[in-house]
Structure formats: structure tokens, C-alpha cells
Amino acid sequence: MTQLEVLYRYEMHPTEAAMAALGTARQVYGVRRIKIDENAKTIRVEYDATRLNKAVVLQLLRRSGIDIVEEIPLVAPPPPPAPAEAAPAQ
């Protein structure tokens, strides 16, 4: 079992029907946890990567009625490499 997490930002707050559909999505085999942060307008899904992939998780959320805008990376990208210093002229 390989546990992965994915974080999405949504545009509009989920409706009551969307929240009920999310309750059903939690019962999908492979979904471990769905956590919504209303202040940050994000939804985090923990899932089993041997059963599901990001595309399936995204489809589950969209079918539930969640207006997904973008995926937010959980790990910050590495800083850009420092420019190489030019060798002194001789």
C-alpha cells in the first residue's frame, strides 16, 4: 500500500449537495481521507496509489460538484541554481 496526498484549490465553496457527494466519494476503495480547509479554499485527499491515481481523484472531486481550479504542490520547488561566475580573463 502506497499512501499519497494531493492538494487542490477550489473556487466556490461546496454546496450541500457537493458535500453529500464527497461523503460518498470517501467510500471509494482507495480513498483514505478527504480534508477541506474552507479558509484556504483547499481540499486535501489522501489515497492509496496502488488503487487510484491523481486523475481518478480529480475526477471524483469534479463529479462530486467541487469546482477545482488547480493542484497545489505539497513540496516547495527547489530554488533556481546560482549563476556560474565567469572565469577571470588572462
PDB file of N, CA and C in Angstrom:
ATOM      1  N   MET A   1       0.841  -1.167   0.000  1.00  0.00           N
ATOM      2  CA  MET A   1       0.000   0.000   0.000  1.00  0.00           C
ATOM      3  C   MET A   1       0.894   1.239   0.000  1.00  0.00           C
ATOM      4  N   THR A   2       0.666   2.108  -0.957  1.00  0.00           N
ATOM      5  CA  THR A   2       1.428   3.346  -1.088  1.00  0.00           C
ATOM      6  C   THR A   2       0.486   4.521  -0.877  1.00  0.00           C
ATOM      7  N   GLN A   3       0.689   5.233   0.221  1.00  0.00           N
ATOM      8  CA  GLN A   3      -0.184   6.364   0.543  1.00  0.00           C
ATOM      9  C   GLN A   3       0.383   7.638  -0.059  1.00  0.00           C
ATOM     10  N   LEU A   4      -0.448   8.338  -0.816  1.00  0.00           N
ATOM     11  CA  LEU A   4      -0.069   9.628  -1.382  1.00  0.00           C
ATOM     12  C   LEU A   4      -1.116  10.660  -1.006  1.00  0.00           C
ATOM     13  N   GLU A   5      -0.732  11.921  -1.081  1.00  0.00           N
ATOM     14  CA  GLU A   5      -1.664  13.016  -0.839  1.00  0.00           C
ATOM     15  C   GLU A   5      -1.596  13.971  -2.013  1.00  0.00           C
ATOM     16  N   VAL A   6      -2.724  14.568  -2.307  1.00  0.00           N
ATOM     17  CA  VAL A   6      -2.796  15.586  -3.343  1.00  0.00           C
ATOM     18  C   VAL A   6      -3.623  16.742  -2.785  1.00  0.00           C
ATOM     19  N   LEU A   7      -3.232  17.960  -3.134  1.00  0.00           N
ATOM     20  CA  LEU A   7      -3.887  19.156  -2.613  1.00  0.00           C
ATOM     21  C   LEU A   7      -4.390  19.981  -3.788  1.00  0.00           C
ATOM     22  N   TYR A   8      -5.674  20.341  -3.734  1.00  0.00           N
ATOM     23  CA  TYR A   8      -6.294  21.142  -4.781  1.00  0.00           C
ATOM     24  C   TYR A   8      -6.880  22.413  -4.186  1.00  0.00           C
ATOM     25  N   ARG A   9      -6.918  23.452  -5.003  1.00  0.00           N
ATOM     26  CA  ARG A   9      -7.595  24.689  -4.615  1.00  0.00           C
ATOM     27  C   ARG A   9      -8.896  24.741  -5.395  1.00  0.00           C
ATOM     28  N   TYR A  10      -9.967  25.118  -4.702  1.00  0.00           N
ATOM     29  CA  TYR A  10     -11.259  25.229  -5.368  1.00  0.00           C
ATOM     30  C   TYR A  10     -11.699  26.687  -5.373  1.00  0.00           C
ATOM     31  N   GLU A  11     -12.618  27.011  -6.279  1.00  0.00           N
ATOM     32  CA  GLU A  11     -13.049  28.402  -6.456  1.00  0.00           C
ATOM     33  C   GLU A  11     -14.191  28.775  -5.517  1.00  0.00           C
ATOM     34  N   MET A  12     -15.325  28.086  -5.645  1.00  0.00           N
ATOM     35  CA  MET A  12     -16.503  28.421  -4.850  1.00  0.00           C
ATOM     36  C   MET A  12     -16.688  27.385  -3.744  1.00  0.00           C
ATOM     37  N   HIS A  13     -17.231  27.828  -2.615  1.00  0.00           N
ATOM     38  CA  HIS A  13     -17.472  26.907  -1.518  1.00  0.00           C
ATOM     39  C   HIS A  13     -18.433  25.812  -1.972  1.00  0.00           C
ATOM     40  N   PRO A  14     -18.182  24.565  -1.564  1.00  0.00           N
ATOM     41  CA  PRO A  14     -19.043  23.452  -1.976  1.00  0.00           C
ATOM     42  C   PRO A  14     -20.475  23.628  -1.464  1.00  0.00           C
ATOM     43  N   THR A  15     -21.410  23.210  -2.279  1.00  0.00           N
ATOM     44  CA  THR A  15     -22.811  23.251  -1.888  1.00  0.00           C
ATOM     45  C   THR A  15     -23.105  22.073  -0.964  1.00  0.00           C
ATOM     46  N   GLU A  16     -24.300  22.066  -0.414  1.00  0.00           N
ATOM     47  CA  GLU A  16     -24.705  20.956   0.449  1.00  0.00           C
ATOM     48  C   GLU A  16     -24.715  19.646  -0.339  1.00  0.00           C
ATOM     49  N   ALA A  17     -25.167  19.703  -1.592  1.00  0.00           N
ATOM     50  CA  ALA A  17     -25.187  18.503  -2.435  1.00  0.00           C
ATOM     51  C   ALA A  17     -23.766  18.010  -2.712  1.00  0.00           C
ATOM     52  N   ALA A  18     -22.838  18.941  -2.928  1.00  0.00           N
ATOM     53  CA  ALA A  18     -21.442  18.560  -3.171  1.00  0.00           C
ATOM     54  C   ALA A  18     -20.834  17.913  -1.926  1.00  0.00           C
ATOM     55  N   MET A  19     -21.166  18.441  -0.757  1.00  0.00           N
ATOM     56  CA  MET A  19     -20.649  17.851   0.484  1.00  0.00           C
ATOM     57  C   MET A  19     -21.202  16.440   0.686  1.00  0.00           C
ATOM     58  N   ALA A  20     -22.463  16.234   0.345  1.00  0.00           N
ATOM     59  CA  ALA A  20     -23.044  14.893   0.450  1.00  0.00           C
ATOM     60  C   ALA A  20     -22.361  13.952  -0.534  1.00  0.00           C
ATOM     61  N   ALA A  21     -22.057  14.445  -1.737  1.00  0.00           N
ATOM     62  CA  ALA A  21     -21.364  13.628  -2.735  1.00  0.00           C
ATOM     63  C   ALA A  21     -19.940  13.303  -2.285  1.00  0.00           C
ATOM     64  N   LEU A  22     -19.303  14.228  -1.578  1.00  0.00           N
ATOM     65  CA  LEU A  22     -17.966  13.950  -1.035  1.00  0.00           C
ATOM     66  C   LEU A  22     -18.017  12.834   0.000  1.00  0.00           C
ATOM     67  N   GLY A  23     -19.095  12.798   0.759  1.00  0.00           N
ATOM     68  CA  GLY A  23     -19.272  11.702   1.718  1.00  0.00           C
ATOM     69  C   GLY A  23     -19.311  10.360   1.014  1.00  0.00           C
ATOM     70  N   THR A  24     -19.931  10.334  -0.150  1.00  0.00           N
ATOM     71  CA  THR A  24     -19.957   9.105  -0.955  1.00  0.00           C
ATOM     72  C   THR A  24     -18.579   8.819  -1.541  1.00  0.00           C
ATOM     73  N   ALA A  25     -17.865   9.868  -1.957  1.00  0.00           N
ATOM     74  CA  ALA A  25     -16.528   9.694  -2.526  1.00  0.00           C
ATOM     75  C   ALA A  25     -15.569   9.106  -1.494  1.00  0.00           C
ATOM     76  N   ARG A  26     -15.802   9.386  -0.225  1.00  0.00           N
ATOM     77  CA  ARG A  26     -14.946   8.825   0.825  1.00  0.00           C
ATOM     78  C   ARG A  26     -15.074   7.310   0.911  1.00  0.00           C
ATOM     79  N   GLN A  27     -16.155   6.780   0.383  1.00  0.00           N
ATOM     80  CA  GLN A  27     -16.380   5.338   0.429  1.00  0.00           C
ATOM     81  C   GLN A  27     -15.730   4.612  -0.747  1.00  0.00           C
ATOM     82  N   VAL A  28     -15.137   5.361  -1.690  1.00  0.00           N
ATOM     83  CA  VAL A  28     -14.459   4.738  -2.828  1.00  0.00           C
ATOM     84  C   VAL A  28     -13.233   4.003  -2.308  1.00  0.00           C
ATOM     85  N   TYR A  29     -13.087   2.757  -2.757  1.00  0.00           N
ATOM     86  CA  TYR A  29     -11.973   1.934  -2.301  1.00  0.00           C
ATOM     87  C   TYR A  29     -10.659   2.575  -2.751  1.00  0.00           C
ATOM     88  N   GLY A  30      -9.828   2.937  -1.814  1.00  0.00           N
ATOM     89  CA  GLY A  30      -8.549   3.571  -2.095  1.00  0.00           C
ATOM     90  C   GLY A  30      -8.465   4.982  -1.545  1.00  0.00           C
ATOM     91  N   VAL A  31      -9.594   5.627  -1.312  1.00  0.00           N
ATOM     92  CA  VAL A  31      -9.594   6.963  -0.708  1.00  0.00           C
ATOM     93  C   VAL A  31      -9.514   6.788   0.800  1.00  0.00           C
ATOM     94  N   ARG A  32      -8.475   7.335   1.403  1.00  0.00           N
ATOM     95  CA  ARG A  32      -8.314   7.200   2.854  1.00  0.00           C
ATOM     96  C   ARG A  32      -8.933   8.357   3.608  1.00  0.00           C
ATOM     97  N   ARG A  33      -8.706   9.589   3.105  1.00  0.00           N
ATOM     98  CA  ARG A  33      -9.171  10.757   3.853  1.00  0.00           C
ATOM     99  C   ARG A  33      -9.382  11.927   2.891  1.00  0.00           C
ATOM    100  N   ILE A  34     -10.400  12.710   3.164  1.00  0.00           N
ATOM    101  CA  ILE A  34     -10.642  13.951   2.434  1.00  0.00           C
ATOM    102  C   ILE A  34     -10.790  15.045   3.480  1.00  0.00           C
ATOM    103  N   LYS A  35      -9.958  16.075   3.355  1.00  0.00           N
ATOM    104  CA  LYS A  35      -9.979  17.164   4.331  1.00  0.00           C
ATOM    105  C   LYS A  35     -10.148  18.484   3.589  1.00  0.00           C
ATOM    106  N   ILE A  36     -11.138  19.269   4.003  1.00  0.00           N
ATOM    107  CA  ILE A  36     -11.422  20.555   3.384  1.00  0.00           C
ATOM    108  C   ILE A  36     -11.012  21.673   4.336  1.00  0.00           C
ATOM    109  N   ASP A  37     -10.267  22.641   3.814  1.00  0.00           N
ATOM    110  CA  ASP A  37      -9.904  23.842   4.561  1.00  0.00           C
ATOM    111  C   ASP A  37     -10.667  24.996   3.918  1.00  0.00           C
ATOM    112  N   GLU A  38     -11.767  25.405   4.543  1.00  0.00           N
ATOM    113  CA  GLU A  38     -12.625  26.436   3.963  1.00  0.00           C
ATOM    114  C   GLU A  38     -11.939  27.796   3.914  1.00  0.00           C
ATOM    115  N   ASN A  39     -11.082  28.097   4.876  1.00  0.00           N
ATOM    116  CA  ASN A  39     -10.403  29.400   4.889  1.00  0.00           C
ATOM    117  C   ASN A  39      -9.420  29.531   3.731  1.00  0.00           C
ATOM    118  N   ALA A  40      -8.668  28.467   3.458  1.00  0.00           N
ATOM    119  CA  ALA A  40      -7.689  28.498   2.373  1.00  0.00           C
ATOM    120  C   ALA A  40      -8.290  28.058   1.045  1.00  0.00           C
ATOM    121  N   LYS A  41      -9.546  27.598   1.069  1.00  0.00           N
ATOM    122  CA  LYS A  41     -10.232  27.077  -0.124  1.00  0.00           C
ATOM    123  C   LYS A  41      -9.431  25.945  -0.767  1.00  0.00           C
ATOM    124  N   THR A  42      -9.005  24.993   0.082  1.00  0.00           N
ATOM    125  CA  THR A  42      -8.265  23.844  -0.419  1.00  0.00           C
ATOM    126  C   THR A  42      -8.940  22.555   0.024  1.00  0.00           C
ATOM    127  N   ILE A  43      -8.666  21.509  -0.719  1.00  0.00           N
ATOM    128  CA  ILE A  43      -9.144  20.183  -0.376  1.00  0.00           C
ATOM    129  C   ILE A  43      -7.977  19.225  -0.551  1.00  0.00           C
ATOM    130  N   ARG A  44      -7.693  18.464   0.501  1.00  0.00           N
ATOM    131  CA  ARG A  44      -6.574  17.521   0.509  1.00  0.00           C
ATOM    132  C   ARG A  44      -7.144  16.111   0.534  1.00  0.00           C
ATOM    133  N   VAL A  45      -6.639  15.278  -0.361  1.00  0.00           N
ATOM    134  CA  VAL A  45      -7.111  13.904  -0.441  1.00  0.00           C
ATOM    135  C   VAL A  45      -5.925  12.975  -0.235  1.00  0.00           C
ATOM    136  N   GLU A  46      -6.061  12.076   0.723  1.00  0.00           N
ATOM    137  CA  GLU A  46      -5.074  11.030   0.946  1.00  0.00           C
ATOM    138  C   GLU A  46      -5.639   9.762   0.315  1.00  0.00           C
ATOM    139  N   TYR A  47      -4.831   9.124  -0.534  1.00  0.00           N
ATOM    140  CA  TYR A  47      -5.331   7.954  -1.256  1.00  0.00           C
ATOM    141  C   TYR A  47      -4.245   6.895  -1.406  1.00  0.00           C
ATOM    142  N   ASP A  48      -4.679   5.687  -1.747  1.00  0.00           N
ATOM    143  CA  ASP A  48      -3.792   4.550  -1.961  1.00  0.00           C
ATOM    144  C   ASP A  48      -3.404   4.538  -3.435  1.00  0.00           C
ATOM    145  N   ALA A  49      -2.122   4.779  -3.729  1.00  0.00           N
ATOM    146  CA  ALA A  49      -1.656   4.883  -5.106  1.00  0.00           C
ATOM    147  C   ALA A  49      -1.658   3.538  -5.834  1.00  0.00           C
ATOM    148  N   THR A  50      -1.796   2.437  -5.108  1.00  0.00           N
ATOM    149  CA  THR A  50      -1.900   1.147  -5.794  1.00  0.00           C
ATOM    150  C   THR A  50      -3.316   0.925  -6.311  1.00  0.00           C
ATOM    151  N   ARG A  51      -4.269   1.722  -5.860  1.00  0.00           N
ATOM    152  CA  ARG A  51      -5.676   1.597  -6.278  1.00  0.00           C
ATOM    153  C   ARG A  51      -6.131   2.750  -7.175  1.00  0.00           C
ATOM    154  N   LEU A  52      -5.618   3.954  -6.902  1.00  0.00           N
ATOM    155  CA  LEU A  52      -6.063   5.156  -7.608  1.00  0.00           C
ATOM    156  C   LEU A  52      -4.856   5.958  -8.079  1.00  0.00           C
ATOM    157  N   ASN A  53      -5.114   6.934  -8.947  1.00  0.00           N
ATOM    158  CA  ASN A  53      -4.079   7.895  -9.331  1.00  0.00           C
ATOM    159  C   ASN A  53      -4.667   9.302  -9.256  1.00  0.00           C
ATOM    160  N   LYS A  54      -3.833  10.312  -9.503  1.00  0.00           N
ATOM    161  CA  LYS A  54      -4.292  11.708  -9.370  1.00  0.00           C
ATOM    162  C   LYS A  54      -5.466  12.010 -10.288  1.00  0.00           C
ATOM    163  N   ALA A  55      -5.430  11.469 -11.498  1.00  0.00           N
ATOM    164  CA  ALA A  55      -6.502  11.750 -12.459  1.00  0.00           C
ATOM    165  C   ALA A  55      -7.843  11.222 -11.950  1.00  0.00           C
ATOM    166  N   VAL A  56      -7.846  10.050 -11.345  1.00  0.00           N
ATOM    167  CA  VAL A  56      -9.082   9.467 -10.816  1.00  0.00           C
ATOM    168  C   VAL A  56      -9.574  10.274  -9.621  1.00  0.00           C
ATOM    169  N   VAL A  57      -8.661  10.698  -8.758  1.00  0.00           N
ATOM    170  CA  VAL A  57      -9.037  11.502  -7.590  1.00  0.00           C
ATOM    171  C   VAL A  57      -9.646  12.826  -8.054  1.00  0.00           C
ATOM    172  N   LEU A  58      -9.023  13.471  -9.029  1.00  0.00           N
ATOM    173  CA  LEU A  58      -9.546  14.723  -9.559  1.00  0.00           C
ATOM    174  C   LEU A  58     -10.939  14.516 -10.158  1.00  0.00           C
ATOM    175  N   GLN A  59     -11.117  13.431 -10.874  1.00  0.00           N
ATOM    176  CA  GLN A  59     -12.421  13.130 -11.466  1.00  0.00           C
ATOM    177  C   GLN A  59     -13.485  12.905 -10.388  1.00  0.00           C
ATOM    178  N   LEU A  60     -13.120  12.217  -9.317  1.00  0.00           N
ATOM    179  CA  LEU A  60     -14.058  12.010  -8.203  1.00  0.00           C
ATOM    180  C   LEU A  60     -14.507  13.344  -7.615  1.00  0.00           C
ATOM    181  N   LEU A  61     -13.573  14.257  -7.420  1.00  0.00           N
ATOM    182  CA  LEU A  61     -13.904  15.557  -6.836  1.00  0.00           C
ATOM    183  C   LEU A  61     -14.791  16.373  -7.772  1.00  0.00           C
ATOM    184  N   ARG A  62     -14.439  16.377  -9.035  1.00  0.00           N
ATOM    185  CA  ARG A  62     -15.247  17.151 -10.001  1.00  0.00           C
ATOM    186  C   ARG A  62     -16.648  16.563 -10.152  1.00  0.00           C
ATOM    187  N   ARG A  63     -16.758  15.246 -10.140  1.00  0.00           N
ATOM    188  CA  ARG A  63     -18.075  14.622 -10.232  1.00  0.00           C
ATOM    189  C   ARG A  63     -18.909  14.889  -8.981  1.00  0.00           C
ATOM    190  N   SER A  64     -18.237  15.156  -7.881  1.00  0.00           N
ATOM    191  CA  SER A  64     -18.939  15.488  -6.644  1.00  0.00           C
ATOM    192  C   SER A  64     -19.499  16.901  -6.676  1.00  0.00           C
ATOM    193  N   GLY A  65     -19.027  17.703  -7.607  1.00  0.00           N
ATOM    194  CA  GLY A  65     -19.511  19.069  -7.716  1.00  0.00           C
ATOM    195  C   GLY A  65     -18.548  20.097  -7.165  1.00  0.00           C
ATOM    196  N   ILE A  66     -17.319  19.695  -6.888  1.00  0.00           N
ATOM    197  CA  ILE A  66     -16.307  20.621  -6.388  1.00  0.00           C
ATOM    198  C   ILE A  66     -15.660  21.317  -7.586  1.00  0.00           C
ATOM    199  N   ASP A  67     -15.590  22.631  -7.539  1.00  0.00           N
ATOM    200  CA  ASP A  67     -15.033  23.432  -8.627  1.00  0.00           C
ATOM    201  C   ASP A  67     -13.520  23.564  -8.445  1.00  0.00           C
ATOM    202  N   ILE A  68     -12.771  22.561  -8.917  1.00  0.00           N
ATOM    203  CA  ILE A  68     -11.319  22.539  -8.755  1.00  0.00           C
ATOM    204  C   ILE A  68     -10.682  23.518  -9.736  1.00  0.00           C
ATOM    205  N   VAL A  69      -9.786  24.358  -9.220  1.00  0.00           N
ATOM    206  CA  VAL A  69      -9.108  25.359 -10.040  1.00  0.00           C
ATOM    207  C   VAL A  69      -7.707  24.892 -10.408  1.00  0.00           C
ATOM    208  N   GLU A  70      -6.972  24.388  -9.401  1.00  0.00           N
ATOM    209  CA  GLU A  70      -5.589  23.991  -9.648  1.00  0.00           C
ATOM    210  C   GLU A  70      -5.112  23.001  -8.596  1.00  0.00           C
ATOM    211  N   GLU A  71      -4.051  22.297  -8.951  1.00  0.00           N
ATOM    212  CA  GLU A  71      -3.372  21.442  -7.980  1.00  0.00           C
ATOM    213  C   GLU A  71      -2.256  22.263  -7.356  1.00  0.00           C
ATOM    214  N   ILE A  72      -2.132  22.159  -6.053  1.00  0.00           N
ATOM    215  CA  ILE A  72      -1.097  22.891  -5.326  1.00  0.00           C
ATOM    216  C   ILE A  72      -0.015  21.896  -4.932  1.00  0.00           C
ATOM    217  N   PRO A  73       1.243  22.164  -5.292  1.00  0.00           N
ATOM    218  CA  PRO A  73       2.316  21.238  -4.917  1.00  0.00           C
ATOM    219  C   PRO A  73       2.481  21.188  -3.398  1.00  0.00           C
ATOM    220  N   LEU A  74       2.659  19.996  -2.875  1.00  0.00           N
ATOM    221  CA  LEU A  74       2.846  19.824  -1.437  1.00  0.00           C
ATOM    222  C   LEU A  74       4.289  20.076  -1.017  1.00  0.00           C
ATOM    223  N   VAL A  75       5.205  19.975  -1.970  1.00  0.00           N
ATOM    224  CA  VAL A  75       6.620  20.204  -1.698  1.00  0.00           C
ATOM    225  C   VAL A  75       7.042  21.437  -2.480  1.00  0.00           C
ATOM    226  N   ALA A  76       7.719  22.341  -1.815  1.00  0.00           N
ATOM    227  CA  ALA A  76       8.173  23.560  -2.484  1.00  0.00           C
ATOM    228  C   ALA A  76       9.198  23.214  -3.554  1.00  0.00           C
ATOM    229  N   PRO A  77       9.131  23.883  -4.713  1.00  0.00           N
ATOM    230  CA  PRO A  77      10.121  23.605  -5.758  1.00  0.00           C
ATOM    231  C   PRO A  77      11.511  24.037  -5.304  1.00  0.00           C
ATOM    232  N   PRO A  78      12.538  23.380  -5.830  1.00  0.00           N
ATOM    233  CA  PRO A  78      13.899  23.753  -5.423  1.00  0.00           C
ATOM    234  C   PRO A  78      14.236  25.156  -5.926  1.00  0.00           C
ATOM    235  N   PRO A  79      15.112  25.843  -5.209  1.00  0.00           N
ATOM    236  CA  PRO A  79      15.485  27.194  -5.655  1.00  0.00           C
ATOM    237  C   PRO A  79      16.242  27.119  -6.973  1.00  0.00           C
ATOM    238  N   PRO A  80      16.194  28.168  -7.779  1.00  0.00           N
ATOM    239  CA  PRO A  80      16.928  28.135  -9.054  1.00  0.00           C
ATOM    240  C   PRO A  80      18.420  28.077  -8.793  1.00  0.00           C
ATOM    241  N   PRO A  81      19.152  27.439  -9.690  1.00  0.00           N
ATOM    242  CA  PRO A  81      20.603  27.343  -9.473  1.00  0.00           C
ATOM    243  C   PRO A  81      21.256  28.722  -9.555  1.00  0.00           C
ATOM    244  N   ALA A  82      22.297  28.884  -8.772  1.00  0.00           N
ATOM    245  CA  ALA A  82      23.027  30.148  -8.769  1.00  0.00           C
ATOM    246  C   ALA A  82      23.779  30.281 -10.085  1.00  0.00           C
ATOM    247  N   PRO A  83      23.830  31.486 -10.632  1.00  0.00           N
ATOM    248  CA  PRO A  83      24.561  31.651 -11.902  1.00  0.00           C
ATOM    249  C   PRO A  83      26.046  31.376 -11.698  1.00  0.00           C
ATOM    250  N   ALA A  84      26.632  30.723 -12.679  1.00  0.00           N
ATOM    251  CA  ALA A  84      28.071  30.405 -12.594  1.00  0.00           C
ATOM    252  C   ALA A  84      28.863  31.680 -12.786  1.00  0.00           C
ATOM    253  N   GLU A  85      29.921  31.814 -11.997  1.00  0.00           N
ATOM    254  CA  GLU A  85      30.769  33.004 -12.110  1.00  0.00           C
ATOM    255  C   GLU A  85      31.690  32.837 -13.301  1.00  0.00           C
ATOM    256  N   ALA A  86      31.890  33.915 -14.013  1.00  0.00           N
ATOM    257  CA  ALA A  86      32.778  33.881 -15.170  1.00  0.00           C
ATOM    258  C   ALA A  86      34.220  33.796 -14.693  1.00  0.00           C
ATOM    259  N   ALA A  87      35.008  33.045 -15.445  1.00  0.00           N
ATOM    260  CA  ALA A  87      36.430  32.905 -15.114  1.00  0.00           C
ATOM    261  C   ALA A  87      37.141  34.219 -15.440  1.00  0.00           C
ATOM    262  N   PRO A  88      38.096  34.615 -14.624  1.00  0.00           N
ATOM    263  CA  PRO A  88      38.813  35.872 -14.899  1.00  0.00           C
ATOM    264  C   PRO A  88      39.594  35.790 -16.216  1.00  0.00           C
ATOM    265  N   ALA A  89      39.619  36.872 -16.973  1.00  0.00           N
ATOM    266  CA  ALA A  89      40.343  36.917 -18.264  1.00  0.00           C
ATOM    267  C   ALA A  89      41.836  36.971 -17.993  1.00  0.00           C
ATOM    268  N   GLN A  90      42.620  36.337 -18.867  1.00  0.00           N
ATOM    269  CA  GLN A  90      44.077  36.324 -18.681  1.00  0.00           C
ATOM    270  C   GLN A  90      44.768  37.095 -19.738  1.00  0.00           C
TER     271      GLN A  90
END
